[in-house]
Amino acid sequence: VQLQASGGGLVQPGGSLRLSCRASGVLFSNKHMGWYRQVPGKQRELVAIVESSGSTKYADSVEDRFTISRDNARNTLTLQMDGLKPEDTAVYYCRAWRYEVDDWGQGTLVTVSS
């Protein structure tokens, strides 16, 4: 299984970024998918998930600013991030899981700074 995350970068406060995660070697439509983030010295935290059914869940801190979506035909997970804040600065990881199988991508750095 390979999860290739991309789309990170430097953006000013209030700006937008779109993260993508391309999956290969996996039955994508069968997997729950999610975005997590981690700041050095802190635990990795949930940002948003989309289950195989299409149900979504967001962290309170990103609700109404971030939108997670999946394209099962293209094996792609997306996170649209609007209204970015300095506290959103982190390495963002995509995750694919179902039952006992749990896979993570390599991460993409998002920096929100003026």
N, C-alpha and C. Protein backbone atom coordinates (compact mmCIF):
# COMPACT_ATOMS: atom_id res chain seq x y z
N VAL A 1 0.85 -1.19 0.00
CA VAL A 1 0.00 0.00 0.00
C VAL A 1 0.89 1.24 0.00
N GLN A 2 0.55 2.18 -0.87
CA GLN A 2 1.26 3.46 -0.88
C GLN A 2 0.26 4.59 -0.79
N LEU A 3 0.55 5.53 0.12
CA LEU A 3 -0.27 6.73 0.26
C LEU A 3 0.65 7.92 0.02
N GLN A 4 0.43 8.62 -1.08
CA GLN A 4 1.30 9.73 -1.48
C GLN A 4 0.57 11.04 -1.25
N ALA A 5 1.01 11.77 -0.23
CA ALA A 5 0.38 13.06 0.10
C ALA A 5 1.13 14.19 -0.60
N SER A 6 0.39 15.19 -1.01
CA SER A 6 0.98 16.36 -1.67
C SER A 6 0.11 17.58 -1.43
N GLY A 7 0.65 18.77 -1.77
CA GLY A 7 -0.14 19.99 -1.68
C GLY A 7 0.24 20.93 -0.55
N GLY A 8 1.14 20.50 0.31
CA GLY A 8 1.56 21.37 1.40
C GLY A 8 2.39 22.53 0.90
N GLY A 9 2.63 23.48 1.80
CA GLY A 9 3.42 24.64 1.42
C GLY A 9 3.27 25.76 2.42
N LEU A 10 3.77 26.94 2.02
CA LEU A 10 3.68 28.13 2.86
C LEU A 10 2.51 28.99 2.40
N VAL A 11 1.69 29.41 3.34
CA VAL A 11 0.54 30.23 3.01
C VAL A 11 0.35 31.26 4.12
N GLN A 12 -0.18 32.42 3.74
CA GLN A 12 -0.44 33.47 4.73
C GLN A 12 -1.71 33.16 5.51
N PRO A 13 -1.81 33.70 6.72
CA PRO A 13 -3.05 33.53 7.49
C PRO A 13 -4.26 34.00 6.67
N GLY A 14 -5.32 33.22 6.75
CA GLY A 14 -6.52 33.51 5.97
C GLY A 14 -6.53 32.88 4.59
N GLY A 15 -5.40 32.33 4.19
CA GLY A 15 -5.30 31.72 2.87
C GLY A 15 -5.84 30.32 2.81
N SER A 16 -5.66 29.69 1.65
CA SER A 16 -6.18 28.35 1.40
C SER A 16 -5.10 27.44 0.83
N LEU A 17 -5.25 26.16 1.12
CA LEU A 17 -4.44 25.12 0.51
C LEU A 17 -5.33 23.91 0.28
N ARG A 18 -4.92 23.10 -0.70
CA ARG A 18 -5.65 21.87 -0.99
C ARG A 18 -4.65 20.72 -0.95
N LEU A 19 -4.85 19.82 0.00
CA LEU A 19 -4.00 18.63 0.12
C LEU A 19 -4.65 17.46 -0.61
N SER A 20 -3.80 16.65 -1.23
CA SER A 20 -4.27 15.44 -1.90
C SER A 20 -3.49 14.24 -1.40
N CYS A 21 -4.13 13.10 -1.39
CA CYS A 21 -3.49 11.84 -1.02
C CYS A 21 -3.91 10.81 -2.06
N ARG A 22 -2.93 10.33 -2.82
CA ARG A 22 -3.20 9.33 -3.85
C ARG A 22 -2.83 7.97 -3.31
N ALA A 23 -3.77 7.04 -3.36
CA ALA A 23 -3.56 5.70 -2.84
C ALA A 23 -3.34 4.71 -3.96
N SER A 24 -2.43 3.77 -3.73
CA SER A 24 -2.23 2.68 -4.68
C SER A 24 -2.02 1.39 -3.92
N GLY A 25 -2.33 0.29 -4.58
CA GLY A 25 -2.17 -1.01 -3.94
C GLY A 25 -3.20 -1.29 -2.88
N VAL A 26 -4.34 -0.64 -2.99
CA VAL A 26 -5.37 -0.80 -1.97
C VAL A 26 -6.75 -0.71 -2.63
N LEU A 27 -7.71 -1.43 -2.06
CA LEU A 27 -9.09 -1.28 -2.52
C LEU A 27 -9.64 -0.03 -1.86
N PHE A 28 -9.44 1.09 -2.52
CA PHE A 28 -9.66 2.41 -1.91
C PHE A 28 -11.08 2.57 -1.40
N SER A 29 -12.06 2.17 -2.18
CA SER A 29 -13.45 2.40 -1.80
C SER A 29 -13.84 1.66 -0.53
N ASN A 30 -13.08 0.64 -0.16
CA ASN A 30 -13.37 -0.17 1.02
C ASN A 30 -12.76 0.40 2.29
N LYS A 31 -11.91 1.41 2.13
CA LYS A 31 -11.16 1.94 3.26
C LYS A 31 -11.81 3.18 3.87
N HIS A 32 -11.68 3.28 5.18
CA HIS A 32 -11.92 4.58 5.82
C HIS A 32 -10.66 5.41 5.59
N MET A 33 -10.82 6.71 5.37
CA MET A 33 -9.68 7.57 5.06
C MET A 33 -9.69 8.78 5.98
N GLY A 34 -8.51 9.31 6.26
CA GLY A 34 -8.47 10.45 7.14
C GLY A 34 -7.21 11.28 6.98
N TRP A 35 -7.30 12.49 7.46
CA TRP A 35 -6.15 13.39 7.58
C TRP A 35 -5.87 13.64 9.06
N TYR A 36 -4.61 13.56 9.39
CA TYR A 36 -4.13 13.83 10.74
C TYR A 36 -2.99 14.83 10.62
N ARG A 37 -2.64 15.47 11.74
CA ARG A 37 -1.52 16.40 11.70
C ARG A 37 -0.71 16.29 12.98
N GLN A 38 0.55 16.71 12.86
CA GLN A 38 1.43 16.62 14.02
C GLN A 38 2.41 17.77 14.02
N VAL A 39 2.54 18.36 15.20
CA VAL A 39 3.52 19.41 15.46
C VAL A 39 4.64 18.79 16.28
N PRO A 40 5.91 19.15 16.03
CA PRO A 40 7.01 18.57 16.81
C PRO A 40 6.76 18.70 18.31
N GLY A 41 6.96 17.59 19.01
CA GLY A 41 6.78 17.60 20.45
C GLY A 41 5.36 17.34 20.92
N LYS A 42 4.44 17.20 19.97
CA LYS A 42 3.04 16.95 20.33
C LYS A 42 2.55 15.67 19.66
N GLN A 43 1.46 15.16 20.19
CA GLN A 43 0.87 13.95 19.62
C GLN A 43 0.18 14.25 18.30
N ARG A 44 0.17 13.24 17.45
CA ARG A 44 -0.56 13.35 16.20
C ARG A 44 -2.05 13.46 16.52
N GLU A 45 -2.74 14.35 15.82
CA GLU A 45 -4.16 14.55 16.11
C GLU A 45 -5.01 14.42 14.86
N LEU A 46 -6.24 14.03 15.08
CA LEU A 46 -7.19 13.90 13.99
C LEU A 46 -7.58 15.27 13.46
N VAL A 47 -7.62 15.40 12.14
CA VAL A 47 -8.13 16.62 11.50
C VAL A 47 -9.52 16.35 10.95
N ALA A 48 -9.62 15.33 10.11
CA ALA A 48 -10.90 14.98 9.50
C ALA A 48 -10.83 13.56 8.97
N ILE A 49 -11.97 12.86 9.00
CA ILE A 49 -12.04 11.53 8.42
C ILE A 49 -13.27 11.43 7.53
N VAL A 50 -13.18 10.54 6.56
CA VAL A 50 -14.34 10.19 5.74
C VAL A 50 -14.38 8.67 5.66
N GLU A 51 -15.47 8.11 6.14
CA GLU A 51 -15.59 6.65 6.18
C GLU A 51 -15.90 6.12 4.78
N SER A 52 -15.81 4.81 4.64
CA SER A 52 -16.10 4.19 3.35
C SER A 52 -17.54 4.48 2.92
N SER A 53 -18.41 4.73 3.90
CA SER A 53 -19.81 5.06 3.61
C SER A 53 -19.98 6.49 3.10
N GLY A 54 -18.95 7.33 3.32
CA GLY A 54 -19.04 8.74 2.95
C GLY A 54 -19.28 9.66 4.13
N SER A 55 -19.55 9.09 5.30
CA SER A 55 -19.75 9.91 6.50
C SER A 55 -18.46 10.60 6.87
N THR A 56 -18.58 11.85 7.32
CA THR A 56 -17.41 12.65 7.67
C THR A 56 -17.44 13.06 9.13
N LYS A 57 -16.24 13.34 9.63
CA LYS A 57 -16.09 13.83 11.00
C LYS A 57 -14.91 14.79 11.00
N TYR A 58 -15.05 15.90 11.74
CA TYR A 58 -14.01 16.92 11.80
C TYR A 58 -13.62 17.22 13.24
N ALA A 59 -12.37 17.62 13.41
CA ALA A 59 -11.96 18.17 14.69
C ALA A 59 -12.67 19.50 14.89
N ASP A 60 -12.99 19.84 16.12
CA ASP A 60 -13.69 21.10 16.40
C ASP A 60 -12.91 22.30 15.86
N SER A 61 -11.59 22.20 15.92
CA SER A 61 -10.74 23.34 15.55
C SER A 61 -10.77 23.65 14.06
N VAL A 62 -11.23 22.69 13.23
CA VAL A 62 -11.23 22.93 11.78
C VAL A 62 -12.63 22.91 11.18
N GLU A 63 -13.61 22.58 12.00
CA GLU A 63 -15.00 22.55 11.53
C GLU A 63 -15.34 23.88 10.87
N ASP A 64 -16.00 23.86 9.76
CA ASP A 64 -16.44 25.06 9.02
C ASP A 64 -15.32 25.74 8.25
N ARG A 65 -14.07 25.23 8.37
CA ARG A 65 -12.97 25.80 7.58
C ARG A 65 -12.38 24.78 6.62
N PHE A 66 -12.38 23.51 7.02
CA PHE A 66 -11.78 22.45 6.21
C PHE A 66 -12.89 21.55 5.66
N THR A 67 -12.64 20.99 4.48
CA THR A 67 -13.58 20.05 3.88
C THR A 67 -12.81 18.84 3.37
N ILE A 68 -13.20 17.66 3.85
CA ILE A 68 -12.59 16.42 3.39
C ILE A 68 -13.50 15.79 2.35
N SER A 69 -12.87 15.20 1.33
CA SER A 69 -13.66 14.50 0.31
C SER A 69 -12.82 13.36 -0.26
N ARG A 70 -13.52 12.44 -0.91
CA ARG A 70 -12.84 11.30 -1.52
C ARG A 70 -13.40 11.05 -2.91
N ASP A 71 -12.53 10.61 -3.79
CA ASP A 71 -12.92 10.24 -5.14
C ASP A 71 -12.51 8.78 -5.33
N ASN A 72 -13.45 7.89 -5.19
CA ASN A 72 -13.14 6.46 -5.25
C ASN A 72 -12.70 6.03 -6.65
N ALA A 73 -13.15 6.74 -7.66
CA ALA A 73 -12.75 6.39 -9.03
C ALA A 73 -11.28 6.71 -9.28
N ARG A 74 -10.77 7.72 -8.59
CA ARG A 74 -9.37 8.15 -8.77
C ARG A 74 -8.48 7.76 -7.60
N ASN A 75 -9.04 7.01 -6.63
CA ASN A 75 -8.26 6.61 -5.45
C ASN A 75 -7.59 7.80 -4.77
N THR A 76 -8.33 8.87 -4.64
CA THR A 76 -7.76 10.11 -4.11
C THR A 76 -8.59 10.66 -2.97
N LEU A 77 -7.87 11.08 -1.94
CA LEU A 77 -8.45 11.76 -0.78
C LEU A 77 -7.99 13.22 -0.83
N THR A 78 -8.90 14.14 -0.53
CA THR A 78 -8.58 15.56 -0.62
C THR A 78 -8.98 16.27 0.68
N LEU A 79 -8.20 17.27 1.05
CA LEU A 79 -8.55 18.14 2.17
C LEU A 79 -8.44 19.58 1.70
N GLN A 80 -9.58 20.24 1.56
CA GLN A 80 -9.60 21.65 1.21
C GLN A 80 -9.55 22.45 2.51
N MET A 81 -8.52 23.28 2.64
CA MET A 81 -8.31 24.05 3.86
C MET A 81 -8.45 25.54 3.54
N ASP A 82 -9.45 26.15 4.11
CA ASP A 82 -9.70 27.58 3.94
C ASP A 82 -9.57 28.29 5.28
N GLY A 83 -9.38 29.59 5.24
CA GLY A 83 -9.27 30.35 6.48
C GLY A 83 -8.16 29.85 7.38
N LEU A 84 -7.01 29.55 6.78
CA LEU A 84 -5.92 28.95 7.56
C LEU A 84 -5.40 29.90 8.62
N LYS A 85 -5.02 29.31 9.75
CA LYS A 85 -4.50 30.05 10.90
C LYS A 85 -3.09 29.56 11.22
N PRO A 86 -2.29 30.38 11.88
CA PRO A 86 -0.94 29.93 12.25
C PRO A 86 -0.95 28.61 13.03
N GLU A 87 -1.97 28.39 13.83
CA GLU A 87 -2.04 27.16 14.61
C GLU A 87 -2.35 25.93 13.77
N ASP A 88 -2.63 26.11 12.49
CA ASP A 88 -2.81 24.97 11.59
C ASP A 88 -1.46 24.47 11.06
N THR A 89 -0.39 25.17 11.37
CA THR A 89 0.94 24.75 10.93
C THR A 89 1.28 23.38 11.52
N ALA A 90 1.63 22.44 10.65
CA ALA A 90 1.91 21.07 11.08
C ALA A 90 2.31 20.24 9.86
N VAL A 91 2.76 19.03 10.12
CA VAL A 91 2.89 18.04 9.06
C VAL A 91 1.57 17.28 9.00
N TYR A 92 1.00 17.20 7.82
CA TYR A 92 -0.29 16.55 7.62
C TYR A 92 -0.07 15.17 6.99
N TYR A 93 -0.73 14.19 7.58
CA TYR A 93 -0.60 12.80 7.13
C TYR A 93 -1.95 12.26 6.70
N CYS A 94 -1.95 11.46 5.65
CA CYS A 94 -3.18 10.76 5.31
C CYS A 94 -3.10 9.32 5.83
N ARG A 95 -4.25 8.78 6.12
CA ARG A 95 -4.35 7.46 6.71
C ARG A 95 -5.44 6.68 6.02
N ALA A 96 -5.20 5.40 5.83
CA ALA A 96 -6.21 4.50 5.27
C ALA A 96 -6.32 3.30 6.19
N TRP A 97 -7.52 2.96 6.59
CA TRP A 97 -7.64 1.82 7.50
C TRP A 97 -8.98 1.11 7.32
N ARG A 98 -8.97 -0.15 7.71
CA ARG A 98 -10.18 -0.96 7.78
C ARG A 98 -9.82 -2.21 8.54
N TYR A 99 -10.60 -2.52 9.54
CA TYR A 99 -10.34 -3.65 10.44
C TYR A 99 -8.94 -3.51 11.02
N GLU A 100 -8.11 -4.54 10.90
CA GLU A 100 -6.80 -4.51 11.54
C GLU A 100 -5.72 -3.91 10.65
N VAL A 101 -6.05 -3.52 9.45
CA VAL A 101 -5.07 -2.97 8.51
C VAL A 101 -5.07 -1.44 8.61
N ASP A 102 -3.90 -0.87 8.83
CA ASP A 102 -3.78 0.56 9.10
C ASP A 102 -2.53 1.09 8.39
N ASP A 103 -2.69 1.99 7.43
CA ASP A 103 -1.57 2.51 6.65
C ASP A 103 -1.53 4.03 6.70
N TRP A 104 -0.29 4.55 6.71
CA TRP A 104 -0.08 6.01 6.77
C TRP A 104 0.80 6.46 5.61
N GLY A 105 0.55 7.67 5.15
CA GLY A 105 1.40 8.29 4.15
C GLY A 105 2.59 8.97 4.81
N GLN A 106 3.43 9.60 3.99
CA GLN A 106 4.69 10.15 4.48
C GLN A 106 4.56 11.55 5.05
N GLY A 107 3.46 12.22 4.84
CA GLY A 107 3.26 13.56 5.39
C GLY A 107 3.64 14.68 4.44
N THR A 108 2.94 15.78 4.58
CA THR A 108 3.24 16.99 3.81
C THR A 108 3.15 18.19 4.75
N LEU A 109 4.15 19.08 4.66
CA LEU A 109 4.25 20.18 5.61
C LEU A 109 3.40 21.36 5.18
N VAL A 110 2.59 21.84 6.11
CA VAL A 110 1.80 23.05 5.92
C VAL A 110 2.30 24.10 6.90
N THR A 111 2.68 25.25 6.38
CA THR A 111 3.15 26.35 7.21
C THR A 111 2.29 27.57 6.95
N VAL A 112 1.67 28.07 8.02
CA VAL A 112 0.82 29.26 7.92
C VAL A 112 1.52 30.39 8.65
N SER A 113 1.99 31.36 7.87
CA SER A 113 2.78 32.43 8.46
C SER A 113 2.78 33.64 7.53
N SER A 114 2.86 34.81 8.15
CA SER A 114 2.96 36.04 7.35
C SER A 114 4.42 36.42 7.15
